Amino acid sequence: MIDKICTILTNKIRKEMPEVDEERAEVIMYGLQNIIGELPKIFLIFIVAYLLGIMKLTLISFIVIVAYRSFSGGIHMKTHISCIIYTLSLYCGTALLGKYVIIEGMSKYMIGIACWVFCMIMIKLYAPADTENVPILRKKERKQKQILSYIVLTVEFIIALTINIPSVTTIIIIGDFIQTLMITRIVYKLTDNKYGHEVYANT
């Protein structure tokens, strides 16, 4: 259904804009699939969050992780079902951990700093982690996204270590840690993903 809607919209765009060639049409098609495909998942996330009584915490985890993920990149699941399960686990799961796992006192600083160092190293090695469908090939764009990944991660960890709200601290530390795992080579292999820039560099 989603593919059919996206095909209709892409064809309409090509009709209105004859300069859009086949390659650009594929990019538009993929973008529309992502946008339209994400909306039901977002609604589902917050419906589940409401039913679990963690709406505010899920909203925080959503904002924190999306802000970081938009620059660092990460895996994409191959099917809609696996994507829904992954998305719910990522945002609602992180919110639930924020509700029940308390990170405070000296452990907050020890765990927070250790996670920050790990994430910074992974950013250096893998960010921005692209995919075959949406490769990031321009060196300037890759550098910009990597720098912004460093900045967003650091700002979020500063908030986590200075704010006096344990649930928010937990959400930021665990959410960013999990998101960082999603850009690593081992998780790419486990989920049958490939880094787009590596694929196209070898073609």
N, C-alpha and C. Protein backbone atom coordinates (compact mmCIF):
# COMPACT_ATOMS: atom_id res chain seq x y z
N MET A 1 0.83 -1.21 0.00
CA MET A 1 0.00 0.00 0.00
C MET A 1 0.87 1.26 0.00
N ILE A 2 1.88 1.25 0.89
CA ILE A 2 2.78 2.40 0.97
C ILE A 2 3.53 2.58 -0.34
N ASP A 3 4.01 1.47 -0.91
CA ASP A 3 4.74 1.53 -2.17
C ASP A 3 3.87 2.08 -3.30
N LYS A 4 2.60 1.69 -3.30
CA LYS A 4 1.68 2.15 -4.34
C LYS A 4 1.47 3.66 -4.24
N ILE A 5 1.27 4.15 -3.01
CA ILE A 5 1.07 5.59 -2.78
C ILE A 5 2.31 6.36 -3.22
N CYS A 6 3.50 5.85 -2.85
CA CYS A 6 4.75 6.52 -3.19
C CYS A 6 4.99 6.53 -4.70
N THR A 7 4.62 5.44 -5.37
CA THR A 7 4.76 5.38 -6.83
C THR A 7 3.88 6.42 -7.51
N ILE A 8 2.64 6.55 -7.05
CA ILE A 8 1.70 7.54 -7.60
C ILE A 8 2.26 8.96 -7.41
N LEU A 9 2.75 9.24 -6.19
CA LEU A 9 3.28 10.58 -5.90
C LEU A 9 4.54 10.87 -6.71
N THR A 10 5.40 9.87 -6.86
CA THR A 10 6.63 10.05 -7.64
C THR A 10 6.31 10.30 -9.11
N ASN A 11 5.38 9.56 -9.65
CA ASN A 11 4.97 9.76 -11.05
C ASN A 11 4.36 11.14 -11.26
N LYS A 12 3.62 11.60 -10.26
CA LYS A 12 3.01 12.93 -10.36
C LYS A 12 4.09 14.01 -10.35
N ILE A 13 5.12 13.82 -9.50
CA ILE A 13 6.23 14.77 -9.44
C ILE A 13 6.97 14.79 -10.77
N ARG A 14 7.20 13.62 -11.35
CA ARG A 14 7.90 13.54 -12.64
C ARG A 14 7.11 14.19 -13.76
N LYS A 15 5.79 14.10 -13.65
CA LYS A 15 4.93 14.72 -14.67
C LYS A 15 4.99 16.23 -14.57
N GLU A 16 5.02 16.73 -13.32
CA GLU A 16 5.07 18.18 -13.10
C GLU A 16 6.47 18.73 -13.32
N MET A 17 7.49 17.87 -13.12
CA MET A 17 8.88 18.32 -13.25
C MET A 17 9.62 17.39 -14.21
N PRO A 18 9.54 17.66 -15.51
CA PRO A 18 10.15 16.78 -16.54
C PRO A 18 11.66 16.63 -16.38
N GLU A 19 12.31 17.58 -15.69
CA GLU A 19 13.78 17.51 -15.53
C GLU A 19 14.22 16.41 -14.55
N VAL A 20 13.27 15.84 -13.84
CA VAL A 20 13.61 14.76 -12.89
C VAL A 20 13.85 13.48 -13.67
N ASP A 21 15.10 13.01 -13.66
CA ASP A 21 15.44 11.80 -14.40
C ASP A 21 15.15 10.55 -13.55
N GLU A 22 15.48 9.39 -14.12
CA GLU A 22 15.18 8.11 -13.46
C GLU A 22 15.91 7.98 -12.12
N GLU A 23 17.16 8.41 -12.11
CA GLU A 23 17.96 8.30 -10.88
C GLU A 23 17.39 9.17 -9.76
N ARG A 24 17.06 10.42 -10.11
CA ARG A 24 16.49 11.33 -9.10
C ARG A 24 15.11 10.86 -8.66
N ALA A 25 14.38 10.25 -9.58
CA ALA A 25 13.05 9.72 -9.24
C ALA A 25 13.16 8.60 -8.21
N GLU A 26 14.21 7.78 -8.33
CA GLU A 26 14.43 6.71 -7.35
C GLU A 26 14.72 7.28 -5.97
N VAL A 27 15.51 8.36 -5.93
CA VAL A 27 15.82 9.02 -4.66
C VAL A 27 14.54 9.60 -4.04
N ILE A 28 13.71 10.23 -4.88
CA ILE A 28 12.44 10.80 -4.41
C ILE A 28 11.54 9.70 -3.89
N MET A 29 11.49 8.61 -4.62
CA MET A 29 10.66 7.46 -4.23
C MET A 29 11.09 6.92 -2.86
N TYR A 30 12.40 6.78 -2.69
CA TYR A 30 12.91 6.26 -1.42
C TYR A 30 12.60 7.22 -0.27
N GLY A 31 12.75 8.51 -0.54
CA GLY A 31 12.45 9.52 0.48
C GLY A 31 10.98 9.49 0.90
N LEU A 32 10.10 9.37 -0.10
CA LEU A 32 8.66 9.29 0.19
C LEU A 32 8.32 8.03 0.99
N GLN A 33 8.96 6.92 0.62
CA GLN A 33 8.73 5.67 1.36
C GLN A 33 9.12 5.81 2.82
N ASN A 34 10.23 6.50 3.06
CA ASN A 34 10.68 6.71 4.44
C ASN A 34 9.73 7.60 5.22
N ILE A 35 9.32 8.71 4.58
CA ILE A 35 8.44 9.67 5.26
C ILE A 35 7.08 9.05 5.57
N ILE A 36 6.46 8.48 4.53
CA ILE A 36 5.12 7.90 4.71
C ILE A 36 5.19 6.66 5.58
N GLY A 37 6.26 5.88 5.43
CA GLY A 37 6.41 4.67 6.24
C GLY A 37 6.67 4.96 7.70
N GLU A 38 7.28 6.12 7.98
CA GLU A 38 7.61 6.46 9.37
C GLU A 38 6.38 6.92 10.16
N LEU A 39 5.43 7.55 9.50
CA LEU A 39 4.28 8.12 10.22
C LEU A 39 3.50 7.08 11.02
N PRO A 40 3.13 5.94 10.43
CA PRO A 40 2.41 4.93 11.23
C PRO A 40 3.24 4.44 12.41
N LYS A 41 4.56 4.31 12.22
CA LYS A 41 5.42 3.85 13.31
C LYS A 41 5.47 4.86 14.44
N ILE A 42 5.50 6.14 14.09
CA ILE A 42 5.53 7.18 15.12
C ILE A 42 4.23 7.16 15.93
N PHE A 43 3.10 7.04 15.22
CA PHE A 43 1.81 6.94 15.92
C PHE A 43 1.79 5.72 16.83
N LEU A 44 2.28 4.60 16.32
CA LEU A 44 2.28 3.36 17.10
C LEU A 44 3.16 3.49 18.35
N ILE A 45 4.32 4.13 18.19
CA ILE A 45 5.22 4.34 19.33
C ILE A 45 4.49 5.04 20.47
N PHE A 46 3.79 6.11 20.12
CA PHE A 46 3.16 6.92 21.18
C PHE A 46 1.86 6.30 21.69
N ILE A 47 1.22 5.48 20.86
CA ILE A 47 0.05 4.73 21.37
C ILE A 47 0.52 3.72 22.41
N VAL A 48 1.60 2.98 22.09
CA VAL A 48 2.15 2.01 23.03
C VAL A 48 2.66 2.73 24.28
N ALA A 49 3.32 3.85 24.09
CA ALA A 49 3.84 4.63 25.22
C ALA A 49 2.71 5.08 26.14
N TYR A 50 1.61 5.52 25.54
CA TYR A 50 0.45 5.95 26.33
C TYR A 50 -0.12 4.79 27.13
N LEU A 51 -0.24 3.63 26.48
CA LEU A 51 -0.78 2.46 27.16
C LEU A 51 0.12 1.99 28.30
N LEU A 52 1.43 2.20 28.14
CA LEU A 52 2.38 1.80 29.18
C LEU A 52 2.58 2.87 30.24
N GLY A 53 1.97 4.03 30.01
CA GLY A 53 2.10 5.12 30.98
C GLY A 53 3.46 5.80 30.96
N ILE A 54 4.11 5.80 29.80
CA ILE A 54 5.45 6.40 29.70
C ILE A 54 5.51 7.41 28.54
N MET A 55 4.44 8.11 28.30
CA MET A 55 4.36 9.04 27.17
C MET A 55 5.46 10.10 27.21
N LYS A 56 5.62 10.77 28.37
CA LYS A 56 6.61 11.85 28.48
C LYS A 56 8.03 11.32 28.31
N LEU A 57 8.29 10.18 28.94
CA LEU A 57 9.63 9.59 28.85
C LEU A 57 9.94 9.12 27.43
N THR A 58 8.93 8.60 26.74
CA THR A 58 9.12 8.17 25.35
C THR A 58 9.38 9.37 24.45
N LEU A 59 8.70 10.46 24.70
CA LEU A 59 8.92 11.68 23.93
C LEU A 59 10.36 12.16 24.11
N ILE A 60 10.86 12.10 25.35
CA ILE A 60 12.24 12.50 25.62
C ILE A 60 13.21 11.57 24.90
N SER A 61 12.98 10.26 24.99
CA SER A 61 13.88 9.31 24.32
C SER A 61 13.84 9.50 22.81
N PHE A 62 12.67 9.79 22.27
CA PHE A 62 12.51 10.02 20.83
C PHE A 62 13.34 11.23 20.40
N ILE A 63 13.22 12.33 21.12
CA ILE A 63 13.95 13.56 20.78
C ILE A 63 15.46 13.34 20.89
N VAL A 64 15.89 12.73 21.99
CA VAL A 64 17.31 12.50 22.24
C VAL A 64 17.93 11.62 21.15
N ILE A 65 17.31 10.49 20.87
CA ILE A 65 17.88 9.53 19.92
C ILE A 65 17.79 10.03 18.49
N VAL A 66 16.67 10.62 18.11
CA VAL A 66 16.52 11.12 16.73
C VAL A 66 17.53 12.23 16.45
N ALA A 67 17.74 13.12 17.42
CA ALA A 67 18.71 14.21 17.23
C ALA A 67 20.10 13.66 16.95
N TYR A 68 20.48 12.63 17.66
CA TYR A 68 21.80 12.01 17.48
C TYR A 68 21.83 11.14 16.22
N ARG A 69 20.79 10.35 16.00
CA ARG A 69 20.73 9.43 14.86
C ARG A 69 20.71 10.17 13.53
N SER A 70 20.12 11.35 13.50
CA SER A 70 20.01 12.09 12.23
C SER A 70 21.38 12.43 11.65
N PHE A 71 22.40 12.49 12.50
CA PHE A 71 23.76 12.77 12.02
C PHE A 71 24.66 11.53 12.03
N SER A 72 24.49 10.65 13.02
CA SER A 72 25.36 9.48 13.13
C SER A 72 24.93 8.34 12.22
N GLY A 73 23.66 8.31 11.82
CA GLY A 73 23.16 7.26 10.93
C GLY A 73 22.88 5.97 11.67
N GLY A 74 22.96 4.85 10.96
CA GLY A 74 22.71 3.56 11.59
C GLY A 74 21.96 2.60 10.70
N ILE A 75 21.74 1.41 11.22
CA ILE A 75 21.10 0.33 10.46
C ILE A 75 19.66 0.65 10.09
N HIS A 76 19.19 -0.05 9.06
CA HIS A 76 17.77 -0.03 8.69
C HIS A 76 17.32 -1.48 8.54
N MET A 77 16.20 -1.80 9.15
CA MET A 77 15.69 -3.16 9.07
C MET A 77 15.11 -3.44 7.68
N LYS A 78 15.10 -4.72 7.30
CA LYS A 78 14.74 -5.11 5.94
C LYS A 78 13.23 -5.21 5.71
N THR A 79 12.45 -5.45 6.78
CA THR A 79 11.00 -5.58 6.63
C THR A 79 10.28 -4.59 7.54
N HIS A 80 9.02 -4.31 7.21
CA HIS A 80 8.24 -3.38 8.02
C HIS A 80 8.03 -3.91 9.43
N ILE A 81 7.80 -5.22 9.55
CA ILE A 81 7.56 -5.82 10.87
C ILE A 81 8.80 -5.69 11.75
N SER A 82 9.96 -6.07 11.21
CA SER A 82 11.19 -5.97 12.00
C SER A 82 11.52 -4.53 12.33
N CYS A 83 11.18 -3.62 11.43
CA CYS A 83 11.42 -2.19 11.66
C CYS A 83 10.54 -1.68 12.80
N ILE A 84 9.28 -2.10 12.82
CA ILE A 84 8.36 -1.69 13.88
C ILE A 84 8.84 -2.21 15.24
N ILE A 85 9.24 -3.49 15.27
CA ILE A 85 9.72 -4.09 16.52
C ILE A 85 10.97 -3.35 17.01
N TYR A 86 11.89 -3.08 16.08
CA TYR A 86 13.13 -2.37 16.42
C TYR A 86 12.83 -0.96 16.94
N THR A 87 11.95 -0.25 16.25
CA THR A 87 11.62 1.12 16.62
C THR A 87 10.95 1.18 17.99
N LEU A 88 9.99 0.30 18.22
CA LEU A 88 9.33 0.25 19.53
C LEU A 88 10.32 -0.08 20.64
N SER A 89 11.19 -1.03 20.38
CA SER A 89 12.18 -1.42 21.38
C SER A 89 13.13 -0.28 21.69
N LEU A 90 13.53 0.44 20.65
CA LEU A 90 14.49 1.53 20.82
C LEU A 90 13.91 2.67 21.65
N TYR A 91 12.74 3.16 21.26
CA TYR A 91 12.20 4.35 21.93
C TYR A 91 11.43 4.02 23.21
N CYS A 92 10.51 3.08 23.13
CA CYS A 92 9.74 2.72 24.33
C CYS A 92 10.60 1.94 25.32
N GLY A 93 11.49 1.09 24.80
CA GLY A 93 12.38 0.32 25.68
C GLY A 93 13.30 1.24 26.46
N THR A 94 13.86 2.24 25.79
CA THR A 94 14.72 3.21 26.46
C THR A 94 13.95 3.99 27.51
N ALA A 95 12.71 4.36 27.18
CA ALA A 95 11.87 5.08 28.14
C ALA A 95 11.57 4.23 29.37
N LEU A 96 11.29 2.95 29.16
CA LEU A 96 11.03 2.04 30.29
C LEU A 96 12.27 1.91 31.18
N LEU A 97 13.43 1.83 30.57
CA LEU A 97 14.67 1.78 31.35
C LEU A 97 14.85 3.06 32.15
N GLY A 98 14.48 4.20 31.53
CA GLY A 98 14.56 5.47 32.23
C GLY A 98 13.64 5.52 33.45
N LYS A 99 12.53 4.81 33.36
CA LYS A 99 11.57 4.78 34.47
C LYS A 99 12.04 3.89 35.61
N TYR A 100 12.65 2.75 35.27
CA TYR A 100 12.95 1.74 36.30
C TYR A 100 14.42 1.61 36.67
N VAL A 101 15.33 2.09 35.82
CA VAL A 101 16.76 1.99 36.13
C VAL A 101 17.27 3.37 36.55
N ILE A 102 17.79 3.45 37.74
CA ILE A 102 18.26 4.72 38.27
C ILE A 102 19.78 4.81 38.18
N ILE A 103 20.27 5.81 37.47
CA ILE A 103 21.70 6.08 37.39
C ILE A 103 21.94 7.43 38.06
N GLU A 104 22.53 7.41 39.25
CA GLU A 104 22.77 8.65 39.97
C GLU A 104 24.02 8.50 40.84
N GLY A 105 24.37 9.59 41.51
CA GLY A 105 25.56 9.58 42.35
C GLY A 105 26.82 9.46 41.52
N MET A 106 27.87 8.86 42.09
CA MET A 106 29.14 8.71 41.39
C MET A 106 29.02 7.79 40.19
N SER A 107 28.11 6.80 40.27
CA SER A 107 27.94 5.87 39.15
C SER A 107 27.47 6.61 37.90
N LYS A 108 26.71 7.70 38.10
CA LYS A 108 26.25 8.49 36.95
C LYS A 108 27.45 9.03 36.17
N TYR A 109 28.43 9.54 36.86
CA TYR A 109 29.60 10.13 36.20
C TYR A 109 30.50 9.05 35.61
N MET A 110 30.69 7.96 36.34
CA MET A 110 31.55 6.89 35.85
C MET A 110 30.97 6.23 34.61
N ILE A 111 29.68 5.87 34.69
CA ILE A 111 29.01 5.23 33.54
C ILE A 111 28.90 6.22 32.38
N GLY A 112 28.51 7.46 32.70
CA GLY A 112 28.33 8.48 31.67
C GLY A 112 29.60 8.77 30.90
N ILE A 113 30.70 8.97 31.61
CA ILE A 113 31.98 9.29 30.96
C ILE A 113 32.48 8.09 30.15
N ALA A 114 32.34 6.87 30.70
CA ALA A 114 32.77 5.67 29.98
C ALA A 114 31.98 5.51 28.68
N CYS A 115 30.66 5.72 28.75
CA CYS A 115 29.81 5.61 27.55
C CYS A 115 30.15 6.69 26.54
N TRP A 116 30.40 7.91 27.03
CA TRP A 116 30.75 9.02 26.14
C TRP A 116 32.03 8.72 25.37
N VAL A 117 33.05 8.23 26.07
CA VAL A 117 34.33 7.89 25.42
C VAL A 117 34.10 6.81 24.36
N PHE A 118 33.36 5.76 24.72
CA PHE A 118 33.07 4.68 23.77
C PHE A 118 32.36 5.23 22.53
N CYS A 119 31.34 6.05 22.75
CA CYS A 119 30.56 6.60 21.63
C CYS A 119 31.41 7.49 20.74
N MET A 120 32.28 8.29 21.33
CA MET A 120 33.16 9.16 20.54
C MET A 120 34.09 8.34 19.65
N ILE A 121 34.60 7.24 20.19
CA ILE A 121 35.48 6.37 19.39
C ILE A 121 34.71 5.75 18.23
N MET A 122 33.48 5.29 18.50
CA MET A 122 32.66 4.68 17.45
C MET A 122 32.27 5.70 16.38
N ILE A 123 32.02 6.94 16.79
CA ILE A 123 31.73 7.99 15.81
C ILE A 123 32.93 8.18 14.89
N LYS A 124 34.11 8.23 15.49
CA LYS A 124 35.34 8.39 14.70
C LYS A 124 35.50 7.26 13.69
N LEU A 125 35.16 6.04 14.11
CA LEU A 125 35.34 4.87 13.24
C LEU A 125 34.25 4.72 12.18
N TYR A 126 32.99 5.03 12.54
CA TYR A 126 31.88 4.63 11.67
C TYR A 126 30.91 5.74 11.23
N ALA A 127 30.84 6.84 11.94
CA ALA A 127 29.84 7.86 11.60
C ALA A 127 30.33 8.76 10.47
N PRO A 128 29.42 9.19 9.60
CA PRO A 128 28.01 8.78 9.55
C PRO A 128 27.86 7.41 8.92
N ALA A 129 27.13 6.55 9.59
CA ALA A 129 26.91 5.18 9.12
C ALA A 129 25.74 5.17 8.14
N ASP A 130 26.05 5.10 6.86
CA ASP A 130 25.01 5.14 5.83
C ASP A 130 24.59 3.73 5.43
N THR A 131 23.70 3.62 4.45
CA THR A 131 23.24 2.33 3.95
C THR A 131 23.32 2.32 2.43
N GLU A 132 23.10 1.15 1.85
CA GLU A 132 23.14 1.02 0.38
C GLU A 132 22.08 1.89 -0.29
N ASN A 133 20.90 1.99 0.34
CA ASN A 133 19.81 2.75 -0.27
C ASN A 133 20.04 4.25 -0.20
N VAL A 134 20.69 4.70 0.88
CA VAL A 134 20.96 6.13 1.03
C VAL A 134 22.44 6.32 1.37
N PRO A 135 23.32 6.16 0.37
CA PRO A 135 24.76 6.32 0.65
C PRO A 135 25.13 7.79 0.82
N ILE A 136 26.10 8.05 1.66
CA ILE A 136 26.64 9.41 1.82
C ILE A 136 28.04 9.38 1.22
N LEU A 137 28.18 9.90 0.02
CA LEU A 137 29.41 9.73 -0.75
C LEU A 137 30.31 10.96 -0.73
N ARG A 138 29.73 12.14 -0.57
CA ARG A 138 30.54 13.35 -0.60
C ARG A 138 31.34 13.49 0.70
N LYS A 139 32.65 13.67 0.58
CA LYS A 139 33.52 13.76 1.75
C LYS A 139 33.14 14.93 2.66
N LYS A 140 32.75 16.04 2.06
CA LYS A 140 32.39 17.21 2.85
C LYS A 140 31.16 16.92 3.71
N GLU A 141 30.16 16.26 3.11
CA GLU A 141 28.95 15.93 3.85
C GLU A 141 29.24 14.93 4.96
N ARG A 142 30.09 13.95 4.67
CA ARG A 142 30.45 12.96 5.68
C ARG A 142 31.15 13.62 6.86
N LYS A 143 32.05 14.55 6.56
CA LYS A 143 32.79 15.24 7.62
C LYS A 143 31.85 16.09 8.46
N GLN A 144 30.93 16.80 7.82
CA GLN A 144 29.97 17.64 8.54
C GLN A 144 29.11 16.81 9.49
N LYS A 145 28.61 15.68 8.98
CA LYS A 145 27.76 14.83 9.81
C LYS A 145 28.54 14.22 10.97
N GLN A 146 29.79 13.89 10.73
CA GLN A 146 30.61 13.33 11.81
C GLN A 146 30.84 14.38 12.91
N ILE A 147 31.16 15.60 12.50
CA ILE A 147 31.37 16.68 13.47
C ILE A 147 30.09 16.95 14.26
N LEU A 148 28.96 16.98 13.56
CA LEU A 148 27.68 17.22 14.24
C LEU A 148 27.32 16.07 15.18
N SER A 149 27.73 14.85 14.82
CA SER A 149 27.53 13.71 15.72
C SER A 149 28.29 13.92 17.02
N TYR A 150 29.56 14.36 16.91
CA TYR A 150 30.36 14.66 18.10
C TYR A 150 29.67 15.71 18.98
N ILE A 151 29.19 16.77 18.32
CA ILE A 151 28.61 17.90 19.05
C ILE A 151 27.32 17.48 19.76
N VAL A 152 26.39 16.85 19.01
CA VAL A 152 25.11 16.47 19.59
C VAL A 152 25.31 15.49 20.74
N LEU A 153 26.16 14.49 20.52
CA LEU A 153 26.43 13.51 21.58
C LEU A 153 26.98 14.18 22.83
N THR A 154 27.95 15.06 22.66
CA THR A 154 28.58 15.72 23.80
C THR A 154 27.59 16.61 24.55
N VAL A 155 26.80 17.36 23.82
CA VAL A 155 25.79 18.22 24.46
C VAL A 155 24.80 17.38 25.26
N GLU A 156 24.36 16.27 24.68
CA GLU A 156 23.40 15.41 25.38
C GLU A 156 24.01 14.79 26.63
N PHE A 157 25.27 14.40 26.56
CA PHE A 157 25.92 13.82 27.74
C PHE A 157 26.18 14.87 28.82
N ILE A 158 26.47 16.09 28.42
CA ILE A 158 26.61 17.18 29.41
C ILE A 158 25.29 17.37 30.14
N ILE A 159 24.19 17.35 29.40
CA ILE A 159 22.86 17.45 30.03
C ILE A 159 22.64 16.28 30.98
N ALA A 160 22.99 15.08 30.52
CA ALA A 160 22.77 13.87 31.33
C ALA A 160 23.53 13.93 32.65
N LEU A 161 24.74 14.49 32.62
CA LEU A 161 25.58 14.50 33.82
C LEU A 161 25.32 15.69 34.73
N THR A 162 24.61 16.70 34.22
CA THR A 162 24.36 17.89 35.05
C THR A 162 22.91 18.00 35.53
N ILE A 163 22.00 17.37 34.81
CA ILE A 163 20.60 17.47 35.19
C ILE A 163 20.32 16.60 36.41
N ASN A 164 19.41 17.04 37.25
CA ASN A 164 19.10 16.30 38.48
C ASN A 164 17.77 15.55 38.34
N ILE A 165 17.62 14.90 37.19
CA ILE A 165 16.42 14.09 36.94
C ILE A 165 16.92 12.71 36.48
N PRO A 166 16.99 11.74 37.39
CA PRO A 166 17.58 10.43 37.08
C PRO A 166 17.00 9.76 35.85
N SER A 167 15.70 9.87 35.62
CA SER A 167 15.09 9.21 34.46
C SER A 167 15.63 9.78 33.16
N VAL A 168 15.82 11.09 33.10
CA VAL A 168 16.35 11.73 31.89
C VAL A 168 17.81 11.35 31.70
N THR A 169 18.57 11.32 32.79
CA THR A 169 19.98 10.89 32.73
C THR A 169 20.08 9.49 32.15
N THR A 170 19.26 8.58 32.63
CA THR A 170 19.28 7.20 32.15
C THR A 170 18.91 7.12 30.68
N ILE A 171 17.87 7.84 30.29
CA ILE A 171 17.42 7.82 28.90
C ILE A 171 18.52 8.30 27.96
N ILE A 172 19.20 9.38 28.32
CA ILE A 172 20.25 9.92 27.45
C ILE A 172 21.42 8.95 27.35
N ILE A 173 21.91 8.48 28.49
CA ILE A 173 23.08 7.60 28.49
C ILE A 173 22.79 6.29 27.76
N ILE A 174 21.69 5.63 28.12
CA ILE A 174 21.37 4.35 27.50
C ILE A 174 20.93 4.53 26.05
N GLY A 175 20.10 5.53 25.79
CA GLY A 175 19.62 5.78 24.42
C GLY A 175 20.75 6.06 23.45
N ASP A 176 21.68 6.93 23.84
CA ASP A 176 22.80 7.25 22.96
C ASP A 176 23.77 6.07 22.83
N PHE A 177 23.92 5.29 23.91
CA PHE A 177 24.77 4.11 23.84
C PHE A 177 24.21 3.09 22.85
N ILE A 178 22.90 2.83 22.94
CA ILE A 178 22.27 1.87 22.02
C ILE A 178 22.34 2.37 20.58
N GLN A 179 22.05 3.66 20.38
CA GLN A 179 22.12 4.22 19.04
C GLN A 179 23.53 4.11 18.48
N THR A 180 24.54 4.29 19.32
CA THR A 180 25.93 4.16 18.87
C THR A 180 26.22 2.72 18.44
N LEU A 181 25.70 1.75 19.17
CA LEU A 181 25.89 0.35 18.77
C LEU A 181 25.33 0.11 17.37
N MET A 182 24.27 0.84 17.01
CA MET A 182 23.61 0.63 15.72
C MET A 182 24.43 1.12 14.53
N ILE A 183 25.56 1.80 14.78
CA ILE A 183 26.40 2.24 13.67
C ILE A 183 27.64 1.36 13.52
N THR A 184 27.82 0.40 14.41
CA THR A 184 29.04 -0.40 14.41
C THR A 184 29.01 -1.51 13.35
N ARG A 185 30.17 -1.94 12.96
CA ARG A 185 30.30 -2.95 11.91
C ARG A 185 29.66 -4.28 12.31
N ILE A 186 29.82 -4.67 13.58
CA ILE A 186 29.28 -5.96 14.02
C ILE A 186 27.76 -5.98 13.94
N VAL A 187 27.10 -4.86 14.31
CA VAL A 187 25.63 -4.81 14.23
C VAL A 187 25.19 -4.75 12.78
N TYR A 188 25.93 -4.08 11.93
CA TYR A 188 25.63 -4.07 10.49
C TYR A 188 25.66 -5.49 9.93
N LYS A 189 26.66 -6.27 10.34
CA LYS A 189 26.75 -7.65 9.86
C LYS A 189 25.61 -8.50 10.40
N LEU A 190 25.28 -8.33 11.67
CA LEU A 190 24.22 -9.12 12.30
C LEU A 190 22.86 -8.84 11.66
N THR A 191 22.65 -7.62 11.17
CA THR A 191 21.36 -7.24 10.59
C THR A 191 21.39 -7.23 9.06
N ASP A 192 22.48 -7.75 8.47
CA ASP A 192 22.62 -7.84 7.02
C ASP A 192 22.53 -6.46 6.36
N ASN A 193 23.15 -5.47 6.98
CA ASN A 193 23.27 -4.13 6.39
C ASN A 193 24.68 -3.94 5.86
N LYS A 194 24.83 -3.00 4.93
CA LYS A 194 26.15 -2.65 4.40
C LYS A 194 26.30 -1.13 4.39
N TYR A 195 27.51 -0.67 4.66
CA TYR A 195 27.77 0.77 4.58
C TYR A 195 27.75 1.19 3.12
N GLY A 196 26.86 2.13 2.82
CA GLY A 196 26.67 2.55 1.43
C GLY A 196 27.92 3.08 0.78
N HIS A 197 28.70 3.90 1.50
CA HIS A 197 29.90 4.51 0.90
C HIS A 197 30.94 3.46 0.57
N GLU A 198 30.97 2.35 1.32
CA GLU A 198 31.92 1.28 1.02
C GLU A 198 31.45 0.49 -0.21
N VAL A 199 30.16 0.25 -0.31
CA VAL A 199 29.62 -0.48 -1.45
C VAL A 199 29.90 0.27 -2.75
N TYR A 200 29.60 1.56 -2.77
CA TYR A 200 29.72 2.34 -4.00
C TYR A 200 31.17 2.69 -4.31
N ALA A 201 32.03 2.68 -3.29
CA ALA A 201 33.44 2.93 -3.52
C ALA A 201 34.10 1.79 -4.27
N ASN A 202 33.50 0.61 -4.15
CA ASN A 202 34.06 -0.59 -4.80
C ASN A 202 33.39 -0.93 -6.12
N THR A 203 32.52 -0.05 -6.61
CA THR A 203 31.84 -0.31 -7.88
C THR A 203 32.39 0.55 -8.99
